[in-house]
Amino acid sequence: MNRKKIRLGVLVSGSGSNLQSIIDHSEKDQLDARISIVISNNPDAYALERCRRHNIPAAVLDHRAFPERADFDRQMIEILHASGVDLVVMAGFMRILTPIFFRAFPMKIMNIHPALLPSFPGLHVQQKALDYGVKFSGCTVHFAEEGVDTGPVIIQAVVPVFEGDDEKILSERILKEEHRIYPQAIQYYAEGRLEIIGRTVRVKSSGKIEAASLVNPPVTIT
């Protein structure tokens, strides 16, 4: 039985490792979604090579060619609409979108962030986690809205922060979880299981996690 697949528009700026994870899950038929178009604001992004290898349509829009941010966003909207996109997925897209973009795709834009939002929004967040000495970090998939790294949280993954970690080590640990949870968030959306209530996202029929609490460093007394 053929399942109906939603159409994705993926926005990228860099290497595209999360794009690759989405491609891999889609090609394994683990996602009820297919990528209709990838848009990069960076002509040199390695993500574009990934598109070529997998025969995925891609467009390059160099933001430096547009006098205003809104002009750049209008061009992206035109391309995404022409591709019939149902959901916009930001995968390492290093541009702040304008209100016109959010109005075009209300609560149809996902983003992934390498921290446990609302803690540590913005850039260089793995180093910020280390600087603050937190014992756990992680990543968050959320619906994007006009604020920077704000919007209702869909799914999160937690990783420990160990003594001796540096930014590179912690980033790699978090990235492995990003590659797991982003496709899952997309699949929830494709299945129509995400319900937004205020600032909360309810995943229908997800059940409860049967797990003990996480403590780092471990408790040694009882």
N, C-alpha and C. Protein backbone atom coordinates (compact mmCIF):
# COMPACT_ATOMS: atom_id res chain seq x y z
N MET A 1 0.85 -1.20 0.00
CA MET A 1 0.00 0.00 0.00
C MET A 1 0.89 1.25 0.00
N ASN A 2 0.68 2.12 -0.97
CA ASN A 2 1.45 3.34 -1.05
C ASN A 2 0.92 4.37 -0.07
N ARG A 3 1.82 4.91 0.75
CA ARG A 3 1.44 5.93 1.71
C ARG A 3 1.62 7.31 1.08
N LYS A 4 0.73 8.21 1.39
CA LYS A 4 0.85 9.58 0.90
C LYS A 4 2.03 10.24 1.59
N LYS A 5 2.87 10.89 0.83
CA LYS A 5 4.06 11.54 1.38
C LYS A 5 3.92 13.05 1.28
N ILE A 6 4.25 13.73 2.36
CA ILE A 6 4.25 15.18 2.33
C ILE A 6 5.51 15.66 1.61
N ARG A 7 5.45 16.89 1.11
CA ARG A 7 6.56 17.44 0.34
C ARG A 7 7.33 18.43 1.22
N LEU A 8 8.65 18.24 1.27
CA LEU A 8 9.51 19.05 2.12
C LEU A 8 10.30 20.05 1.29
N GLY A 9 10.46 21.24 1.86
CA GLY A 9 11.41 22.20 1.36
C GLY A 9 12.46 22.40 2.43
N VAL A 10 13.72 22.10 2.13
CA VAL A 10 14.79 22.14 3.12
C VAL A 10 15.69 23.34 2.86
N LEU A 11 15.94 24.13 3.91
CA LEU A 11 16.79 25.31 3.80
C LEU A 11 18.14 24.99 4.45
N VAL A 12 19.23 25.26 3.74
CA VAL A 12 20.57 24.90 4.21
C VAL A 12 21.54 26.06 3.97
N SER A 13 22.65 26.00 4.72
CA SER A 13 23.73 26.96 4.50
C SER A 13 25.11 26.31 4.51
N GLY A 14 25.21 25.10 5.07
CA GLY A 14 26.53 24.52 5.27
C GLY A 14 26.64 23.09 4.79
N SER A 15 27.19 22.22 5.66
CA SER A 15 27.52 20.86 5.25
C SER A 15 26.30 20.00 4.98
N GLY A 16 25.21 20.25 5.69
CA GLY A 16 23.98 19.52 5.41
C GLY A 16 23.92 18.13 6.00
N SER A 17 24.51 17.92 7.20
CA SER A 17 24.46 16.58 7.78
C SER A 17 23.04 16.22 8.19
N ASN A 18 22.26 17.18 8.66
CA ASN A 18 20.86 16.88 8.98
C ASN A 18 20.06 16.65 7.70
N LEU A 19 20.39 17.36 6.65
CA LEU A 19 19.78 17.08 5.35
C LEU A 19 20.06 15.63 4.95
N GLN A 20 21.29 15.19 5.14
CA GLN A 20 21.65 13.82 4.79
C GLN A 20 20.85 12.81 5.59
N SER A 21 20.65 13.09 6.87
CA SER A 21 19.85 12.18 7.70
C SER A 21 18.42 12.08 7.18
N ILE A 22 17.86 13.21 6.78
CA ILE A 22 16.50 13.21 6.23
C ILE A 22 16.47 12.42 4.91
N ILE A 23 17.46 12.63 4.07
CA ILE A 23 17.55 11.89 2.81
C ILE A 23 17.61 10.39 3.08
N ASP A 24 18.49 10.00 4.00
CA ASP A 24 18.67 8.57 4.29
C ASP A 24 17.39 7.94 4.80
N HIS A 25 16.71 8.59 5.72
CA HIS A 25 15.47 8.04 6.26
C HIS A 25 14.39 7.96 5.18
N SER A 26 14.37 8.96 4.29
CA SER A 26 13.39 8.96 3.21
C SER A 26 13.67 7.82 2.23
N GLU A 27 14.94 7.64 1.87
CA GLU A 27 15.29 6.59 0.91
C GLU A 27 15.07 5.19 1.49
N LYS A 28 15.13 5.07 2.82
CA LYS A 28 14.83 3.78 3.45
C LYS A 28 13.33 3.58 3.68
N ASP A 29 12.54 4.54 3.18
CA ASP A 29 11.08 4.50 3.33
C ASP A 29 10.66 4.51 4.80
N GLN A 30 11.45 5.22 5.62
CA GLN A 30 11.12 5.38 7.02
C GLN A 30 10.41 6.71 7.30
N LEU A 31 10.24 7.51 6.24
CA LEU A 31 9.57 8.79 6.37
C LEU A 31 8.43 8.87 5.37
N ASP A 32 7.30 9.35 5.82
CA ASP A 32 6.19 9.63 4.91
C ASP A 32 6.38 11.04 4.34
N ALA A 33 7.55 11.26 3.78
CA ALA A 33 7.91 12.58 3.26
C ALA A 33 8.98 12.41 2.19
N ARG A 34 8.97 13.33 1.25
CA ARG A 34 10.03 13.39 0.24
C ARG A 34 10.46 14.83 0.09
N ILE A 35 11.70 15.03 -0.28
CA ILE A 35 12.23 16.38 -0.45
C ILE A 35 11.92 16.87 -1.85
N SER A 36 11.14 17.94 -1.94
CA SER A 36 10.79 18.52 -3.24
C SER A 36 11.83 19.52 -3.71
N ILE A 37 12.43 20.25 -2.76
CA ILE A 37 13.40 21.28 -3.13
C ILE A 37 14.31 21.56 -1.94
N VAL A 38 15.56 21.81 -2.23
CA VAL A 38 16.52 22.31 -1.24
C VAL A 38 16.95 23.69 -1.69
N ILE A 39 16.96 24.64 -0.76
CA ILE A 39 17.41 26.01 -1.07
C ILE A 39 18.60 26.33 -0.18
N SER A 40 19.68 26.81 -0.80
CA SER A 40 20.86 27.23 -0.06
C SER A 40 21.15 28.69 -0.34
N ASN A 41 21.49 29.43 0.71
CA ASN A 41 21.92 30.81 0.53
C ASN A 41 23.43 30.90 0.31
N ASN A 42 24.08 29.73 0.35
CA ASN A 42 25.53 29.67 0.21
C ASN A 42 25.88 28.83 -1.01
N PRO A 43 26.44 29.44 -2.06
CA PRO A 43 26.76 28.68 -3.28
C PRO A 43 27.78 27.57 -3.05
N ASP A 44 28.57 27.68 -1.98
CA ASP A 44 29.62 26.70 -1.71
C ASP A 44 29.23 25.66 -0.67
N ALA A 45 27.98 25.63 -0.27
CA ALA A 45 27.54 24.69 0.76
C ALA A 45 27.71 23.25 0.28
N TYR A 46 28.30 22.41 1.12
CA TYR A 46 28.47 21.00 0.75
C TYR A 46 27.11 20.31 0.64
N ALA A 47 26.09 20.86 1.28
CA ALA A 47 24.74 20.30 1.17
C ALA A 47 24.31 20.19 -0.29
N LEU A 48 24.78 21.09 -1.15
CA LEU A 48 24.41 21.05 -2.56
C LEU A 48 24.99 19.82 -3.25
N GLU A 49 26.18 19.41 -2.83
CA GLU A 49 26.78 18.19 -3.37
C GLU A 49 25.95 16.97 -2.96
N ARG A 50 25.43 16.99 -1.75
CA ARG A 50 24.55 15.89 -1.30
C ARG A 50 23.32 15.82 -2.20
N CYS A 51 22.78 16.97 -2.57
CA CYS A 51 21.62 16.98 -3.47
C CYS A 51 21.97 16.38 -4.82
N ARG A 52 23.14 16.74 -5.35
CA ARG A 52 23.54 16.21 -6.65
C ARG A 52 23.68 14.69 -6.60
N ARG A 53 24.23 14.19 -5.52
CA ARG A 53 24.44 12.74 -5.40
C ARG A 53 23.12 11.97 -5.32
N HIS A 54 22.09 12.63 -4.82
CA HIS A 54 20.81 11.94 -4.63
C HIS A 54 19.72 12.44 -5.59
N ASN A 55 20.13 13.21 -6.60
CA ASN A 55 19.20 13.72 -7.62
C ASN A 55 18.03 14.48 -7.01
N ILE A 56 18.35 15.35 -6.06
CA ILE A 56 17.34 16.17 -5.40
C ILE A 56 17.41 17.58 -5.97
N PRO A 57 16.30 18.14 -6.40
CA PRO A 57 16.32 19.51 -6.94
C PRO A 57 16.84 20.50 -5.90
N ALA A 58 17.69 21.42 -6.34
CA ALA A 58 18.26 22.41 -5.43
C ALA A 58 18.33 23.76 -6.13
N ALA A 59 18.18 24.80 -5.33
CA ALA A 59 18.28 26.17 -5.84
C ALA A 59 19.25 26.94 -4.95
N VAL A 60 20.05 27.78 -5.57
CA VAL A 60 20.98 28.64 -4.83
C VAL A 60 20.49 30.07 -4.91
N LEU A 61 20.28 30.66 -3.76
CA LEU A 61 19.92 32.07 -3.67
C LEU A 61 20.95 32.77 -2.79
N ASP A 62 21.88 33.43 -3.40
CA ASP A 62 22.91 34.12 -2.63
C ASP A 62 22.28 35.37 -2.00
N HIS A 63 22.18 35.36 -0.67
CA HIS A 63 21.50 36.47 0.00
C HIS A 63 22.19 37.81 -0.24
N ARG A 64 23.47 37.76 -0.61
CA ARG A 64 24.20 39.01 -0.85
C ARG A 64 23.72 39.73 -2.11
N ALA A 65 22.96 39.04 -2.94
CA ALA A 65 22.45 39.64 -4.17
C ALA A 65 21.15 40.40 -3.96
N PHE A 66 20.62 40.36 -2.73
CA PHE A 66 19.33 41.00 -2.45
C PHE A 66 19.54 42.20 -1.53
N PRO A 67 19.01 43.35 -1.90
CA PRO A 67 19.23 44.55 -1.09
C PRO A 67 18.54 44.49 0.28
N GLU A 68 17.42 43.77 0.37
CA GLU A 68 16.67 43.68 1.61
C GLU A 68 16.42 42.22 1.97
N ARG A 69 16.40 41.93 3.27
CA ARG A 69 16.10 40.57 3.73
C ARG A 69 14.75 40.10 3.21
N ALA A 70 13.77 40.98 3.22
CA ALA A 70 12.43 40.60 2.79
C ALA A 70 12.41 40.20 1.31
N ASP A 71 13.24 40.83 0.49
CA ASP A 71 13.32 40.47 -0.93
C ASP A 71 13.84 39.04 -1.09
N PHE A 72 14.85 38.72 -0.30
CA PHE A 72 15.39 37.36 -0.32
C PHE A 72 14.32 36.35 0.09
N ASP A 73 13.59 36.67 1.16
CA ASP A 73 12.55 35.76 1.66
C ASP A 73 11.43 35.59 0.64
N ARG A 74 11.05 36.66 -0.03
CA ARG A 74 9.99 36.58 -1.06
C ARG A 74 10.40 35.62 -2.17
N GLN A 75 11.67 35.66 -2.55
CA GLN A 75 12.13 34.76 -3.61
C GLN A 75 12.10 33.30 -3.13
N MET A 76 12.47 33.08 -1.87
CA MET A 76 12.39 31.71 -1.33
C MET A 76 10.95 31.23 -1.29
N ILE A 77 10.05 32.10 -0.86
CA ILE A 77 8.63 31.74 -0.79
C ILE A 77 8.12 31.33 -2.17
N GLU A 78 8.50 32.09 -3.18
CA GLU A 78 8.07 31.79 -4.56
C GLU A 78 8.55 30.40 -4.98
N ILE A 79 9.80 30.09 -4.69
CA ILE A 79 10.35 28.78 -5.07
C ILE A 79 9.66 27.66 -4.30
N LEU A 80 9.45 27.85 -3.01
CA LEU A 80 8.82 26.82 -2.18
C LEU A 80 7.37 26.57 -2.61
N HIS A 81 6.65 27.64 -2.91
CA HIS A 81 5.27 27.47 -3.38
C HIS A 81 5.23 26.77 -4.73
N ALA A 82 6.15 27.13 -5.61
CA ALA A 82 6.20 26.48 -6.93
C ALA A 82 6.51 24.99 -6.82
N SER A 83 7.18 24.61 -5.74
CA SER A 83 7.52 23.20 -5.51
C SER A 83 6.45 22.47 -4.71
N GLY A 84 5.37 23.17 -4.36
CA GLY A 84 4.25 22.53 -3.67
C GLY A 84 4.59 22.04 -2.28
N VAL A 85 5.45 22.76 -1.58
CA VAL A 85 5.95 22.31 -0.29
C VAL A 85 4.86 22.35 0.78
N ASP A 86 4.80 21.27 1.57
CA ASP A 86 3.87 21.19 2.71
C ASP A 86 4.51 21.61 4.02
N LEU A 87 5.82 21.40 4.14
CA LEU A 87 6.54 21.70 5.38
C LEU A 87 7.92 22.22 5.02
N VAL A 88 8.33 23.30 5.68
CA VAL A 88 9.66 23.87 5.50
C VAL A 88 10.54 23.39 6.65
N VAL A 89 11.71 22.88 6.31
CA VAL A 89 12.63 22.32 7.30
C VAL A 89 13.96 23.07 7.22
N MET A 90 14.31 23.75 8.30
CA MET A 90 15.59 24.45 8.34
C MET A 90 16.64 23.49 8.90
N ALA A 91 17.68 23.26 8.12
CA ALA A 91 18.73 22.31 8.51
C ALA A 91 20.08 23.01 8.42
N GLY A 92 20.42 23.74 9.48
CA GLY A 92 21.65 24.52 9.45
C GLY A 92 21.56 25.72 8.55
N PHE A 93 20.40 26.36 8.54
CA PHE A 93 20.17 27.55 7.71
C PHE A 93 20.53 28.77 8.53
N MET A 94 21.59 29.48 8.13
CA MET A 94 22.16 30.55 8.94
C MET A 94 21.67 31.93 8.51
N ARG A 95 20.36 32.05 8.42
CA ARG A 95 19.76 33.34 8.12
C ARG A 95 18.56 33.54 9.03
N ILE A 96 18.38 34.78 9.49
CA ILE A 96 17.19 35.12 10.26
C ILE A 96 16.08 35.47 9.29
N LEU A 97 14.97 34.77 9.39
CA LEU A 97 13.85 34.99 8.47
C LEU A 97 13.02 36.19 8.91
N THR A 98 12.39 36.83 7.95
CA THR A 98 11.56 38.00 8.23
C THR A 98 10.11 37.56 8.45
N PRO A 99 9.28 38.45 9.03
CA PRO A 99 7.88 38.09 9.27
C PRO A 99 7.13 37.63 8.04
N ILE A 100 7.50 38.15 6.87
CA ILE A 100 6.79 37.77 5.64
C ILE A 100 6.91 36.27 5.39
N PHE A 101 8.04 35.68 5.75
CA PHE A 101 8.24 34.25 5.54
C PHE A 101 7.35 33.44 6.49
N PHE A 102 7.29 33.86 7.74
CA PHE A 102 6.48 33.12 8.71
C PHE A 102 4.99 33.23 8.38
N ARG A 103 4.58 34.36 7.83
CA ARG A 103 3.17 34.51 7.43
C ARG A 103 2.84 33.58 6.26
N ALA A 104 3.82 33.30 5.42
CA ALA A 104 3.58 32.43 4.26
C ALA A 104 3.44 30.97 4.67
N PHE A 105 4.09 30.58 5.79
CA PHE A 105 4.06 29.18 6.25
C PHE A 105 3.80 29.13 7.75
N PRO A 106 2.61 29.53 8.18
CA PRO A 106 2.34 29.59 9.63
C PRO A 106 2.37 28.21 10.26
N MET A 107 3.25 28.04 11.26
CA MET A 107 3.44 26.78 11.98
C MET A 107 3.67 25.61 11.02
N LYS A 108 4.34 25.93 9.92
CA LYS A 108 4.74 24.90 8.95
C LYS A 108 6.24 25.00 8.69
N ILE A 109 6.97 25.51 9.68
CA ILE A 109 8.42 25.66 9.58
C ILE A 109 9.04 25.00 10.80
N MET A 110 9.92 24.03 10.58
CA MET A 110 10.64 23.39 11.67
C MET A 110 12.10 23.83 11.68
N ASN A 111 12.66 23.83 12.88
CA ASN A 111 14.08 24.14 13.04
C ASN A 111 14.67 23.19 14.06
N ILE A 112 15.97 22.92 13.95
CA ILE A 112 16.66 22.14 14.96
C ILE A 112 17.77 22.99 15.55
N HIS A 113 17.93 22.87 16.87
CA HIS A 113 18.88 23.72 17.61
C HIS A 113 19.70 22.83 18.53
N PRO A 114 21.03 23.01 18.58
CA PRO A 114 21.88 22.12 19.38
C PRO A 114 21.98 22.48 20.85
N ALA A 115 20.82 22.67 21.47
CA ALA A 115 20.74 22.92 22.91
C ALA A 115 19.33 22.57 23.35
N LEU A 116 19.15 22.51 24.66
CA LEU A 116 17.83 22.21 25.21
C LEU A 116 17.08 23.53 25.43
N LEU A 117 16.41 23.99 24.38
CA LEU A 117 15.67 25.24 24.48
C LEU A 117 14.61 25.14 25.58
N PRO A 118 14.33 26.26 26.27
CA PRO A 118 14.74 27.63 25.94
C PRO A 118 16.13 28.04 26.42
N SER A 119 16.92 27.11 26.96
CA SER A 119 18.29 27.45 27.35
C SER A 119 19.18 27.59 26.11
N PHE A 120 20.06 28.57 26.16
CA PHE A 120 21.12 28.76 25.16
C PHE A 120 20.61 28.90 23.73
N PRO A 121 19.81 29.91 23.45
CA PRO A 121 19.48 30.20 22.05
C PRO A 121 20.67 30.87 21.37
N GLY A 122 20.58 31.02 20.05
CA GLY A 122 21.62 31.75 19.33
C GLY A 122 22.75 30.87 18.84
N LEU A 123 23.96 31.43 18.79
CA LEU A 123 25.11 30.75 18.22
C LEU A 123 26.09 30.27 19.29
N HIS A 124 26.99 29.36 18.90
CA HIS A 124 28.05 28.85 19.76
C HIS A 124 27.49 28.30 21.08
N VAL A 125 26.39 27.60 20.98
CA VAL A 125 25.67 27.19 22.19
C VAL A 125 26.35 26.04 22.91
N GLN A 126 27.11 25.20 22.19
CA GLN A 126 27.82 24.12 22.88
C GLN A 126 28.89 24.70 23.81
N GLN A 127 29.57 25.73 23.34
CA GLN A 127 30.57 26.38 24.20
C GLN A 127 29.90 27.08 25.37
N LYS A 128 28.74 27.66 25.13
CA LYS A 128 28.02 28.30 26.24
C LYS A 128 27.64 27.28 27.30
N ALA A 129 27.22 26.10 26.87
CA ALA A 129 26.88 25.04 27.82
C ALA A 129 28.09 24.66 28.66
N LEU A 130 29.24 24.56 28.00
CA LEU A 130 30.47 24.24 28.73
C LEU A 130 30.86 25.37 29.68
N ASP A 131 30.71 26.60 29.23
CA ASP A 131 31.08 27.75 30.07
C ASP A 131 30.21 27.83 31.32
N TYR A 132 28.94 27.43 31.19
CA TYR A 132 28.03 27.48 32.33
C TYR A 132 28.17 26.24 33.22
N GLY A 133 28.89 25.25 32.76
CA GLY A 133 29.10 24.07 33.57
C GLY A 133 27.88 23.19 33.73
N VAL A 134 26.98 23.19 32.75
CA VAL A 134 25.80 22.33 32.86
C VAL A 134 26.21 20.88 32.77
N LYS A 135 25.43 20.01 33.37
CA LYS A 135 25.74 18.58 33.38
C LYS A 135 25.05 17.83 32.25
N PHE A 136 24.05 18.46 31.64
CA PHE A 136 23.37 17.87 30.49
C PHE A 136 23.16 18.95 29.44
N SER A 137 23.28 18.54 28.19
CA SER A 137 22.92 19.40 27.07
C SER A 137 22.06 18.55 26.14
N GLY A 138 21.97 18.95 24.88
CA GLY A 138 21.16 18.17 23.96
C GLY A 138 20.73 18.98 22.76
N CYS A 139 19.60 18.61 22.19
CA CYS A 139 19.11 19.29 20.99
C CYS A 139 17.58 19.33 21.01
N THR A 140 17.05 20.25 20.24
CA THR A 140 15.61 20.53 20.23
C THR A 140 15.13 20.72 18.80
N VAL A 141 14.04 20.06 18.45
CA VAL A 141 13.30 20.38 17.22
C VAL A 141 12.07 21.15 17.64
N HIS A 142 11.85 22.29 17.00
CA HIS A 142 10.71 23.14 17.37
C HIS A 142 10.10 23.76 16.13
N PHE A 143 8.86 24.19 16.26
CA PHE A 143 8.25 25.01 15.22
C PHE A 143 8.87 26.40 15.32
N ALA A 144 9.30 26.94 14.20
CA ALA A 144 9.95 28.25 14.20
C ALA A 144 8.93 29.36 14.14
N GLU A 145 9.22 30.43 14.84
CA GLU A 145 8.43 31.65 14.79
C GLU A 145 9.37 32.83 14.70
N GLU A 146 8.87 34.04 14.84
CA GLU A 146 9.67 35.22 14.52
C GLU A 146 10.84 35.45 15.47
N GLY A 147 10.78 34.97 16.69
CA GLY A 147 11.91 35.11 17.60
C GLY A 147 13.03 34.17 17.21
N VAL A 148 14.25 34.43 17.70
CA VAL A 148 15.40 33.58 17.41
C VAL A 148 15.36 32.35 18.32
N ASP A 149 15.22 31.18 17.71
CA ASP A 149 15.19 29.90 18.44
C ASP A 149 14.06 29.87 19.47
N THR A 150 12.95 30.46 19.10
CA THR A 150 11.75 30.35 19.91
C THR A 150 10.73 29.52 19.14
N GLY A 151 9.61 29.27 19.74
CA GLY A 151 8.58 28.48 19.08
C GLY A 151 8.34 27.19 19.83
N PRO A 152 7.16 26.61 19.69
CA PRO A 152 6.78 25.42 20.43
C PRO A 152 7.71 24.23 20.19
N VAL A 153 8.11 23.60 21.27
CA VAL A 153 9.05 22.47 21.22
C VAL A 153 8.30 21.20 20.81
N ILE A 154 8.87 20.48 19.85
CA ILE A 154 8.28 19.23 19.36
C ILE A 154 8.92 18.01 20.02
N ILE A 155 10.25 17.95 20.00
CA ILE A 155 10.97 16.80 20.53
C ILE A 155 12.36 17.25 20.95
N GLN A 156 12.88 16.64 22.02
CA GLN A 156 14.21 16.95 22.50
C GLN A 156 14.97 15.66 22.82
N ALA A 157 16.28 15.73 22.72
CA ALA A 157 17.16 14.64 23.14
C ALA A 157 18.19 15.21 24.09
N VAL A 158 18.52 14.44 25.11
CA VAL A 158 19.44 14.87 26.16
C VAL A 158 20.73 14.07 26.06
N VAL A 159 21.87 14.76 26.20
CA VAL A 159 23.17 14.08 26.28
C VAL A 159 23.91 14.59 27.51
N PRO A 160 24.74 13.75 28.11
CA PRO A 160 25.54 14.21 29.25
C PRO A 160 26.69 15.08 28.80
N VAL A 161 27.13 15.95 29.70
CA VAL A 161 28.34 16.74 29.50
C VAL A 161 29.38 16.22 30.49
N PHE A 162 30.51 15.76 29.97
CA PHE A 162 31.52 15.14 30.81
C PHE A 162 32.69 16.08 31.06
N GLU A 163 33.36 15.87 32.18
CA GLU A 163 34.60 16.60 32.42
C GLU A 163 35.59 16.26 31.31
N GLY A 164 36.25 17.27 30.81
CA GLY A 164 37.19 17.06 29.72
C GLY A 164 36.59 17.29 28.34
N ASP A 165 35.26 17.44 28.27
CA ASP A 165 34.65 17.76 26.98
C ASP A 165 35.12 19.11 26.49
N ASP A 166 35.31 19.24 25.20
CA ASP A 166 35.48 20.54 24.58
C ASP A 166 34.31 20.75 23.61
N GLU A 167 34.30 21.89 22.94
CA GLU A 167 33.17 22.22 22.08
C GLU A 167 32.99 21.20 20.97
N LYS A 168 34.09 20.73 20.39
CA LYS A 168 34.02 19.77 19.29
C LYS A 168 33.43 18.44 19.76
N ILE A 169 33.91 17.92 20.87
CA ILE A 169 33.43 16.64 21.38
C ILE A 169 31.95 16.71 21.72
N LEU A 170 31.56 17.77 22.42
CA LEU A 170 30.15 17.91 22.80
C LEU A 170 29.28 18.10 21.56
N SER A 171 29.75 18.87 20.60
CA SER A 171 28.98 19.08 19.37
C SER A 171 28.73 17.77 18.64
N GLU A 172 29.74 16.92 18.57
CA GLU A 172 29.59 15.63 17.89
C GLU A 172 28.60 14.73 18.61
N ARG A 173 28.62 14.76 19.94
CA ARG A 173 27.69 13.95 20.71
C ARG A 173 26.25 14.41 20.48
N ILE A 174 26.07 15.71 20.43
CA ILE A 174 24.73 16.27 20.20
C ILE A 174 24.27 15.99 18.77
N LEU A 175 25.19 16.11 17.81
CA LEU A 175 24.82 15.94 16.40
C LEU A 175 24.26 14.55 16.12
N LYS A 176 24.79 13.54 16.78
CA LYS A 176 24.26 12.18 16.60
C LYS A 176 22.78 12.13 16.97
N GLU A 177 22.41 12.85 18.01
CA GLU A 177 21.00 12.87 18.43
C GLU A 177 20.16 13.71 17.48
N GLU A 178 20.74 14.78 16.94
CA GLU A 178 20.01 15.58 15.95
C GLU A 178 19.57 14.71 14.78
N HIS A 179 20.47 13.85 14.34
CA HIS A 179 20.17 13.00 13.18
C HIS A 179 19.08 11.99 13.48
N ARG A 180 18.83 11.72 14.75
CA ARG A 180 17.76 10.80 15.15
C ARG A 180 16.42 11.51 15.30
N ILE A 181 16.44 12.68 15.94
CA ILE A 181 15.15 13.28 16.32
C ILE A 181 14.53 14.13 15.22
N TYR A 182 15.35 14.68 14.30
CA TYR A 182 14.75 15.52 13.26
C TYR A 182 13.85 14.70 12.33
N PRO A 183 14.31 13.55 11.82
CA PRO A 183 13.39 12.74 11.01
C PRO A 183 12.14 12.32 11.79
N GLN A 184 12.30 12.05 13.08
CA GLN A 184 11.13 11.66 13.88
C GLN A 184 10.11 12.79 13.96
N ALA A 185 10.58 14.01 14.16
CA ALA A 185 9.67 15.16 14.21
C ALA A 185 8.93 15.31 12.88
N ILE A 186 9.64 15.14 11.78
CA ILE A 186 9.01 15.23 10.46
C ILE A 186 7.97 14.14 10.29
N GLN A 187 8.28 12.93 10.76
CA GLN A 187 7.33 11.83 10.64
C GLN A 187 6.08 12.09 11.47
N TYR A 188 6.25 12.62 12.67
CA TYR A 188 5.08 12.99 13.48
C TYR A 188 4.18 13.95 12.70
N TYR A 189 4.82 14.94 12.06
CA TYR A 189 4.05 15.92 11.28
C TYR A 189 3.34 15.24 10.12
N ALA A 190 4.06 14.38 9.40
CA ALA A 190 3.48 13.70 8.25
C ALA A 190 2.29 12.84 8.64
N GLU A 191 2.33 12.28 9.83
CA GLU A 191 1.24 11.43 10.32
C GLU A 191 0.09 12.24 10.91
N GLY A 192 0.23 13.56 10.96
CA GLY A 192 -0.82 14.41 11.52
C GLY A 192 -0.96 14.28 13.01
N ARG A 193 0.15 13.98 13.70
CA ARG A 193 0.09 13.70 15.13
C ARG A 193 0.48 14.88 16.00
N LEU A 194 0.83 16.01 15.40
CA LEU A 194 1.26 17.17 16.18
C LEU A 194 0.10 18.15 16.36
N GLU A 195 -0.20 18.43 17.61
CA GLU A 195 -1.27 19.38 17.95
C GLU A 195 -0.66 20.51 18.78
N ILE A 196 -0.79 21.74 18.29
CA ILE A 196 -0.22 22.89 18.98
C ILE A 196 -1.29 23.52 19.87
N ILE A 197 -0.99 23.58 21.16
CA ILE A 197 -1.89 24.19 22.14
C ILE A 197 -1.11 25.27 22.86
N GLY A 198 -1.32 26.53 22.45
CA GLY A 198 -0.53 27.61 23.01
C GLY A 198 0.93 27.45 22.64
N ARG A 199 1.79 27.33 23.65
CA ARG A 199 3.21 27.12 23.42
C ARG A 199 3.61 25.65 23.55
N THR A 200 2.62 24.79 23.64
CA THR A 200 2.90 23.37 23.84
C THR A 200 2.53 22.57 22.60
N VAL A 201 3.39 21.63 22.24
CA VAL A 201 3.09 20.70 21.16
C VAL A 201 2.74 19.35 21.78
N ARG A 202 1.56 18.88 21.50
CA ARG A 202 1.14 17.55 21.95
C ARG A 202 1.31 16.57 20.81
N VAL A 203 2.01 15.46 21.10
CA VAL A 203 2.17 14.39 20.12
C VAL A 203 1.12 13.33 20.42
N LYS A 204 0.15 13.22 19.56
CA LYS A 204 -0.97 12.31 19.81
C LYS A 204 -0.48 10.86 19.84
N SER A 205 -1.00 10.12 20.82
CA SER A 205 -0.74 8.68 20.96
C SER A 205 0.74 8.36 21.06
N SER A 206 1.49 9.23 21.72
CA SER A 206 2.93 8.98 21.86
C SER A 206 3.26 8.15 23.08
N GLY A 207 2.32 8.10 24.05
CA GLY A 207 2.59 7.35 25.27
C GLY A 207 3.57 8.09 26.17
N LYS A 208 3.96 7.43 27.27
CA LYS A 208 4.88 8.03 28.22
C LYS A 208 6.22 7.30 28.19
N ILE A 209 7.27 8.06 28.51
CA ILE A 209 8.60 7.46 28.59
C ILE A 209 8.71 6.72 29.91
N GLU A 210 9.03 5.45 29.84
CA GLU A 210 9.24 4.66 31.05
C GLU A 210 10.74 4.59 31.31
N ALA A 211 11.25 5.61 31.97
CA ALA A 211 12.69 5.66 32.21
C ALA A 211 12.96 6.34 33.53
N ALA A 212 14.06 5.97 34.15
CA ALA A 212 14.46 6.61 35.40
C ALA A 212 14.98 8.01 35.08
N SER A 213 15.10 8.82 36.13
CA SER A 213 15.65 10.15 35.94
C SER A 213 17.14 10.06 35.58
N LEU A 214 17.64 11.12 34.98
CA LEU A 214 19.04 11.19 34.59
C LEU A 214 19.80 12.06 35.58
N VAL A 215 20.90 11.58 36.06
CA VAL A 215 21.71 12.33 37.01
C VAL A 215 23.17 12.27 36.56
N ASN A 216 23.85 13.41 36.53
CA ASN A 216 25.23 13.49 36.12
C ASN A 216 25.94 14.57 36.95
N PRO A 217 26.99 14.25 37.72
CA PRO A 217 27.60 12.93 37.93
C PRO A 217 26.68 12.02 38.75
N PRO A 218 26.98 10.72 38.78
CA PRO A 218 26.06 9.79 39.42
C PRO A 218 25.97 9.98 40.92
N VAL A 219 24.80 9.62 41.46
CA VAL A 219 24.58 9.65 42.91
C VAL A 219 25.19 8.38 43.50
N THR A 220 25.99 8.54 44.52
CA THR A 220 26.70 7.41 45.11
C THR A 220 26.19 7.06 46.52
N ILE A 221 25.24 7.84 47.04
CA ILE A 221 24.67 7.55 48.35
C ILE A 221 23.20 7.22 48.19
N THR A 222 22.63 6.50 49.12
CA THR A 222 21.22 6.13 49.06
C THR A 222 20.52 6.62 50.30
